[in-house]
Amino acid sequence: VEQVKKQWDETWTETQGHIKAIEDFGKLRETNGEKNSLPRLNGLAQDGLNMLNSLVLKLDLLAPQLPSYDDVQSAQALLENWRQQCHSLRVALRNANLQAKANVRKTAQQEFLNEKSAT
């Protein structure tokens, strides 16, 4: 169970980072060919969410095998918390994509206005 918790913490942190990068996407025009494209970031975030769901299932299988009733109850509570966190991350990913879309639109409009005023 401890190994699953450790994997959860690492994957959770990575996935939050990818979602933050998606949210910030398009704020500044990338000149290096956009090393982290939006589809790539979304793929990484989806992979993270899938891994988190896999860890939820793993904990769900391990919980009933724990030695004491208190351990089982604690694992069940953790399981419910993880499920809520997965849902929260999915909502955050959706909102981050909406923000990225708005950022790209705003940056494009700003560039258009800058080009128009330069001529």
N, C-alpha and C. Protein backbone atom coordinates (compact mmCIF):
# COMPACT_ATOMS: atom_id res chain seq x y z
N VAL A 1 0.84 -1.20 0.00
CA VAL A 1 0.00 0.00 0.00
C VAL A 1 0.88 1.26 0.00
N GLU A 2 1.99 1.20 0.72
CA GLU A 2 2.88 2.38 0.78
C GLU A 2 3.45 2.71 -0.59
N GLN A 3 3.77 1.67 -1.37
CA GLN A 3 4.30 1.89 -2.72
C GLN A 3 3.25 2.57 -3.60
N VAL A 4 2.00 2.16 -3.45
CA VAL A 4 0.91 2.76 -4.23
C VAL A 4 0.75 4.23 -3.83
N LYS A 5 0.84 4.51 -2.54
CA LYS A 5 0.72 5.91 -2.07
C LYS A 5 1.85 6.76 -2.65
N LYS A 6 3.06 6.21 -2.67
CA LYS A 6 4.21 6.95 -3.19
C LYS A 6 4.01 7.24 -4.68
N GLN A 7 3.57 6.22 -5.43
CA GLN A 7 3.30 6.41 -6.86
C GLN A 7 2.23 7.47 -7.06
N TRP A 8 1.21 7.44 -6.22
CA TRP A 8 0.11 8.41 -6.32
C TRP A 8 0.66 9.83 -6.17
N ASP A 9 1.46 10.03 -5.12
CA ASP A 9 1.98 11.37 -4.85
C ASP A 9 2.82 11.89 -6.02
N GLU A 10 3.67 11.02 -6.57
CA GLU A 10 4.52 11.44 -7.69
C GLU A 10 3.68 11.75 -8.93
N THR A 11 2.75 10.87 -9.24
CA THR A 11 1.92 11.05 -10.44
C THR A 11 1.01 12.27 -10.28
N TRP A 12 0.47 12.46 -9.09
CA TRP A 12 -0.40 13.61 -8.81
C TRP A 12 0.35 14.91 -9.07
N THR A 13 1.56 15.00 -8.55
CA THR A 13 2.37 16.21 -8.71
C THR A 13 2.69 16.47 -10.18
N GLU A 14 3.10 15.42 -10.90
CA GLU A 14 3.42 15.56 -12.32
C GLU A 14 2.19 16.01 -13.11
N THR A 15 1.06 15.40 -12.84
CA THR A 15 -0.17 15.70 -13.58
C THR A 15 -0.62 17.13 -13.31
N GLN A 16 -0.51 17.57 -12.07
CA GLN A 16 -0.85 18.96 -11.76
C GLN A 16 0.05 19.92 -12.54
N GLY A 17 1.33 19.57 -12.66
CA GLY A 17 2.27 20.39 -13.43
C GLY A 17 1.87 20.49 -14.89
N HIS A 18 1.45 19.37 -15.47
CA HIS A 18 1.02 19.37 -16.87
C HIS A 18 -0.24 20.23 -17.05
N ILE A 19 -1.15 20.12 -16.10
CA ILE A 19 -2.39 20.91 -16.19
C ILE A 19 -2.08 22.40 -16.06
N LYS A 20 -1.15 22.75 -15.19
CA LYS A 20 -0.74 24.15 -15.04
C LYS A 20 -0.11 24.66 -16.34
N ALA A 21 0.71 23.81 -16.97
CA ALA A 21 1.34 24.19 -18.24
C ALA A 21 0.28 24.40 -19.32
N ILE A 22 -0.77 23.57 -19.32
CA ILE A 22 -1.86 23.74 -20.29
C ILE A 22 -2.57 25.07 -20.03
N GLU A 23 -2.82 25.36 -18.76
CA GLU A 23 -3.51 26.60 -18.39
C GLU A 23 -2.72 27.83 -18.85
N ASP A 24 -1.39 27.75 -18.77
CA ASP A 24 -0.54 28.87 -19.15
C ASP A 24 -0.22 28.90 -20.65
N PHE A 25 -0.61 27.86 -21.35
CA PHE A 25 -0.29 27.74 -22.77
C PHE A 25 -0.86 28.92 -23.56
N GLY A 26 -0.04 29.46 -24.44
CA GLY A 26 -0.51 30.52 -25.33
C GLY A 26 -0.42 31.92 -24.75
N LYS A 27 0.01 32.05 -23.50
CA LYS A 27 0.13 33.40 -22.93
C LYS A 27 1.23 34.18 -23.63
N LEU A 28 2.32 33.50 -23.92
CA LEU A 28 3.42 34.12 -24.64
C LEU A 28 3.63 33.35 -25.92
N ARG A 29 3.91 34.06 -26.97
CA ARG A 29 4.14 33.39 -28.25
C ARG A 29 5.48 32.66 -28.17
N GLU A 30 5.45 31.36 -28.38
CA GLU A 30 6.67 30.56 -28.32
C GLU A 30 7.45 30.73 -29.62
N THR A 31 8.76 30.92 -29.51
CA THR A 31 9.57 31.08 -30.70
C THR A 31 10.36 29.82 -31.01
N ASN A 32 10.39 28.88 -30.10
CA ASN A 32 11.19 27.67 -30.31
C ASN A 32 10.36 26.53 -30.87
N GLY A 33 9.31 26.82 -31.61
CA GLY A 33 8.48 25.78 -32.18
C GLY A 33 7.57 25.12 -31.17
N GLU A 34 7.34 25.79 -30.08
CA GLU A 34 6.46 25.29 -29.02
C GLU A 34 6.83 23.87 -28.62
N LYS A 35 7.93 23.78 -27.91
CA LYS A 35 8.48 22.50 -27.45
C LYS A 35 7.40 21.62 -26.83
N ASN A 36 6.58 22.21 -25.99
CA ASN A 36 5.47 21.48 -25.39
C ASN A 36 4.17 21.94 -26.03
N SER A 37 3.80 21.28 -27.11
CA SER A 37 2.57 21.66 -27.79
C SER A 37 1.37 21.29 -26.92
N LEU A 38 0.27 21.92 -27.21
CA LEU A 38 -0.95 21.66 -26.44
C LEU A 38 -1.38 20.19 -26.53
N PRO A 39 -1.37 19.58 -27.71
CA PRO A 39 -1.74 18.16 -27.76
C PRO A 39 -0.79 17.28 -26.93
N ARG A 40 0.50 17.61 -26.95
CA ARG A 40 1.47 16.83 -26.16
C ARG A 40 1.19 16.99 -24.67
N LEU A 41 0.96 18.21 -24.23
CA LEU A 41 0.65 18.45 -22.82
C LEU A 41 -0.64 17.73 -22.41
N ASN A 42 -1.63 17.76 -23.29
CA ASN A 42 -2.88 17.06 -22.99
C ASN A 42 -2.66 15.56 -22.91
N GLY A 43 -1.82 15.03 -23.79
CA GLY A 43 -1.50 13.61 -23.74
C GLY A 43 -0.84 13.23 -22.43
N LEU A 44 0.10 14.06 -22.00
CA LEU A 44 0.79 13.81 -20.72
C LEU A 44 -0.18 13.88 -19.55
N ALA A 45 -1.07 14.87 -19.58
CA ALA A 45 -2.06 15.01 -18.50
C ALA A 45 -3.02 13.82 -18.49
N GLN A 46 -3.45 13.39 -19.68
CA GLN A 46 -4.35 12.22 -19.76
C GLN A 46 -3.64 10.96 -19.27
N ASP A 47 -2.37 10.80 -19.64
CA ASP A 47 -1.60 9.65 -19.14
C ASP A 47 -1.55 9.67 -17.62
N GLY A 48 -1.32 10.85 -17.06
CA GLY A 48 -1.28 10.98 -15.60
C GLY A 48 -2.61 10.62 -14.96
N LEU A 49 -3.70 11.11 -15.54
CA LEU A 49 -5.03 10.79 -15.02
C LEU A 49 -5.31 9.29 -15.11
N ASN A 50 -4.90 8.68 -16.22
CA ASN A 50 -5.10 7.23 -16.36
C ASN A 50 -4.29 6.46 -15.33
N MET A 51 -3.07 6.92 -15.07
CA MET A 51 -2.24 6.26 -14.05
C MET A 51 -2.88 6.42 -12.67
N LEU A 52 -3.40 7.59 -12.37
CA LEU A 52 -4.06 7.81 -11.08
C LEU A 52 -5.28 6.89 -10.94
N ASN A 53 -6.05 6.76 -12.00
CA ASN A 53 -7.20 5.84 -11.96
C ASN A 53 -6.75 4.40 -11.74
N SER A 54 -5.64 4.04 -12.36
CA SER A 54 -5.09 2.70 -12.18
C SER A 54 -4.66 2.48 -10.72
N LEU A 55 -4.10 3.51 -10.12
CA LEU A 55 -3.68 3.40 -8.71
C LEU A 55 -4.90 3.32 -7.79
N VAL A 56 -5.98 3.99 -8.15
CA VAL A 56 -7.23 3.87 -7.38
C VAL A 56 -7.69 2.42 -7.40
N LEU A 57 -7.68 1.80 -8.57
CA LEU A 57 -8.10 0.40 -8.68
C LEU A 57 -7.17 -0.52 -7.89
N LYS A 58 -5.88 -0.23 -7.96
CA LYS A 58 -4.91 -1.05 -7.22
C LYS A 58 -5.17 -0.97 -5.72
N LEU A 59 -5.39 0.24 -5.21
CA LEU A 59 -5.67 0.40 -3.78
C LEU A 59 -6.99 -0.26 -3.42
N ASP A 60 -7.95 -0.18 -4.32
CA ASP A 60 -9.25 -0.82 -4.08
C ASP A 60 -9.10 -2.33 -3.91
N LEU A 61 -8.17 -2.92 -4.66
CA LEU A 61 -7.92 -4.36 -4.53
C LEU A 61 -7.11 -4.69 -3.28
N LEU A 62 -6.20 -3.80 -2.92
CA LEU A 62 -5.34 -4.06 -1.76
C LEU A 62 -6.03 -3.82 -0.43
N ALA A 63 -6.94 -2.86 -0.38
CA ALA A 63 -7.56 -2.45 0.88
C ALA A 63 -8.16 -3.61 1.68
N PRO A 64 -8.97 -4.48 1.07
CA PRO A 64 -9.58 -5.55 1.86
C PRO A 64 -8.57 -6.57 2.40
N GLN A 65 -7.36 -6.57 1.85
CA GLN A 65 -6.35 -7.53 2.27
C GLN A 65 -5.50 -7.04 3.45
N LEU A 66 -5.75 -5.82 3.89
CA LEU A 66 -4.96 -5.27 4.98
C LEU A 66 -5.25 -6.02 6.28
N PRO A 67 -4.26 -6.06 7.20
CA PRO A 67 -4.37 -6.91 8.39
C PRO A 67 -5.45 -6.53 9.39
N SER A 68 -5.67 -5.25 9.60
CA SER A 68 -6.63 -4.87 10.64
C SER A 68 -7.82 -4.12 10.05
N TYR A 69 -8.89 -4.13 10.80
CA TYR A 69 -10.11 -3.43 10.39
C TYR A 69 -9.83 -1.93 10.23
N ASP A 70 -9.06 -1.38 11.17
CA ASP A 70 -8.74 0.06 11.10
C ASP A 70 -7.94 0.39 9.84
N ASP A 71 -7.01 -0.49 9.47
CA ASP A 71 -6.24 -0.28 8.25
C ASP A 71 -7.15 -0.29 7.02
N VAL A 72 -8.09 -1.22 7.01
CA VAL A 72 -9.03 -1.32 5.90
C VAL A 72 -9.88 -0.05 5.82
N GLN A 73 -10.37 0.41 6.96
CA GLN A 73 -11.19 1.63 7.00
C GLN A 73 -10.39 2.84 6.53
N SER A 74 -9.15 2.92 6.97
CA SER A 74 -8.29 4.03 6.57
C SER A 74 -8.05 4.00 5.06
N ALA A 75 -7.80 2.82 4.52
CA ALA A 75 -7.58 2.69 3.08
C ALA A 75 -8.84 3.04 2.30
N GLN A 76 -10.00 2.67 2.83
CA GLN A 76 -11.27 3.00 2.16
C GLN A 76 -11.49 4.52 2.14
N ALA A 77 -11.15 5.17 3.23
CA ALA A 77 -11.28 6.64 3.29
C ALA A 77 -10.32 7.29 2.30
N LEU A 78 -9.10 6.77 2.24
CA LEU A 78 -8.12 7.29 1.29
C LEU A 78 -8.60 7.09 -0.14
N LEU A 79 -9.19 5.94 -0.38
CA LEU A 79 -9.72 5.61 -1.70
C LEU A 79 -10.78 6.62 -2.14
N GLU A 80 -11.67 6.94 -1.25
CA GLU A 80 -12.72 7.92 -1.56
C GLU A 80 -12.10 9.30 -1.84
N ASN A 81 -11.10 9.65 -1.05
CA ASN A 81 -10.40 10.92 -1.25
C ASN A 81 -9.74 10.95 -2.62
N TRP A 82 -9.09 9.86 -3.00
CA TRP A 82 -8.43 9.78 -4.30
C TRP A 82 -9.43 9.91 -5.44
N ARG A 83 -10.58 9.28 -5.28
CA ARG A 83 -11.60 9.37 -6.34
C ARG A 83 -12.05 10.82 -6.52
N GLN A 84 -12.22 11.52 -5.41
CA GLN A 84 -12.61 12.94 -5.49
C GLN A 84 -11.50 13.77 -6.13
N GLN A 85 -10.26 13.46 -5.80
CA GLN A 85 -9.13 14.19 -6.38
C GLN A 85 -9.04 13.95 -7.89
N CYS A 86 -9.30 12.72 -8.32
CA CYS A 86 -9.30 12.42 -9.76
C CYS A 86 -10.36 13.24 -10.47
N HIS A 87 -11.53 13.30 -9.88
CA HIS A 87 -12.62 14.10 -10.47
C HIS A 87 -12.21 15.58 -10.53
N SER A 88 -11.62 16.06 -9.46
CA SER A 88 -11.17 17.45 -9.40
C SER A 88 -10.13 17.73 -10.49
N LEU A 89 -9.21 16.79 -10.70
CA LEU A 89 -8.19 16.98 -11.74
C LEU A 89 -8.81 17.01 -13.13
N ARG A 90 -9.81 16.17 -13.36
CA ARG A 90 -10.48 16.17 -14.67
C ARG A 90 -11.14 17.53 -14.94
N VAL A 91 -11.79 18.07 -13.92
CA VAL A 91 -12.41 19.39 -14.05
C VAL A 91 -11.34 20.45 -14.30
N ALA A 92 -10.24 20.36 -13.56
CA ALA A 92 -9.14 21.32 -13.73
C ALA A 92 -8.56 21.23 -15.14
N LEU A 93 -8.45 20.01 -15.67
CA LEU A 93 -7.93 19.84 -17.03
C LEU A 93 -8.86 20.49 -18.05
N ARG A 94 -10.15 20.28 -17.88
CA ARG A 94 -11.12 20.89 -18.80
C ARG A 94 -11.01 22.42 -18.73
N ASN A 95 -10.96 22.96 -17.53
CA ASN A 95 -10.85 24.41 -17.37
C ASN A 95 -9.53 24.94 -17.92
N ALA A 96 -8.45 24.18 -17.73
CA ALA A 96 -7.14 24.60 -18.25
C ALA A 96 -7.17 24.67 -19.77
N ASN A 97 -7.84 23.72 -20.40
CA ASN A 97 -7.94 23.74 -21.86
C ASN A 97 -8.75 24.93 -22.35
N LEU A 98 -9.80 25.26 -21.63
CA LEU A 98 -10.58 26.45 -21.99
C LEU A 98 -9.73 27.71 -21.83
N GLN A 99 -8.93 27.77 -20.77
CA GLN A 99 -8.05 28.91 -20.55
C GLN A 99 -6.98 28.99 -21.64
N ALA A 100 -6.42 27.85 -22.02
CA ALA A 100 -5.41 27.83 -23.08
C ALA A 100 -5.99 28.35 -24.39
N LYS A 101 -7.21 27.93 -24.69
CA LYS A 101 -7.88 28.39 -25.91
C LYS A 101 -8.06 29.90 -25.87
N ALA A 102 -8.48 30.42 -24.73
CA ALA A 102 -8.65 31.87 -24.58
C ALA A 102 -7.30 32.59 -24.70
N ASN A 103 -6.25 32.01 -24.12
CA ASN A 103 -4.92 32.61 -24.20
C ASN A 103 -4.43 32.70 -25.64
N VAL A 104 -4.62 31.62 -26.39
CA VAL A 104 -4.18 31.60 -27.78
C VAL A 104 -4.95 32.64 -28.58
N ARG A 105 -6.25 32.71 -28.35
CA ARG A 105 -7.08 33.70 -29.06
C ARG A 105 -6.62 35.12 -28.73
N LYS A 106 -6.38 35.39 -27.45
CA LYS A 106 -5.97 36.72 -27.02
C LYS A 106 -4.60 37.09 -27.60
N THR A 107 -3.67 36.15 -27.59
CA THR A 107 -2.34 36.40 -28.13
C THR A 107 -2.41 36.68 -29.63
N ALA A 108 -3.23 35.91 -30.33
CA ALA A 108 -3.38 36.11 -31.78
C ALA A 108 -3.99 37.49 -32.06
N GLN A 109 -4.99 37.88 -31.29
CA GLN A 109 -5.60 39.20 -31.48
C GLN A 109 -4.58 40.30 -31.22
N GLN A 110 -3.78 40.13 -30.17
CA GLN A 110 -2.78 41.13 -29.83
C GLN A 110 -1.74 41.26 -30.94
N GLU A 111 -1.30 40.13 -31.48
CA GLU A 111 -0.34 40.16 -32.58
C GLU A 111 -0.94 40.85 -33.80
N PHE A 112 -2.19 40.55 -34.08
CA PHE A 112 -2.87 41.17 -35.22
C PHE A 112 -2.93 42.69 -35.04
N LEU A 113 -3.30 43.12 -33.83
CA LEU A 113 -3.37 44.56 -33.56
C LEU A 113 -1.99 45.21 -33.64
N ASN A 114 -0.97 44.52 -33.15
CA ASN A 114 0.39 45.06 -33.22
C ASN A 114 0.85 45.20 -34.67
N GLU A 115 0.55 44.20 -35.49
CA GLU A 115 0.93 44.27 -36.91
C GLU A 115 0.16 45.39 -37.61
N LYS A 116 -1.11 45.51 -37.27
CA LYS A 116 -1.96 46.52 -37.90
C LYS A 116 -1.48 47.93 -37.54
N SER A 117 -1.09 48.12 -36.27
CA SER A 117 -0.64 49.45 -35.85
C SER A 117 0.76 49.77 -36.37
N ALA A 118 1.53 48.74 -36.72
CA ALA A 118 2.88 48.96 -37.24
C ALA A 118 2.86 49.40 -38.69
N THR A 119 1.76 49.14 -39.37
CA THR A 119 1.69 49.52 -40.80
C THR A 119 1.00 50.83 -41.01
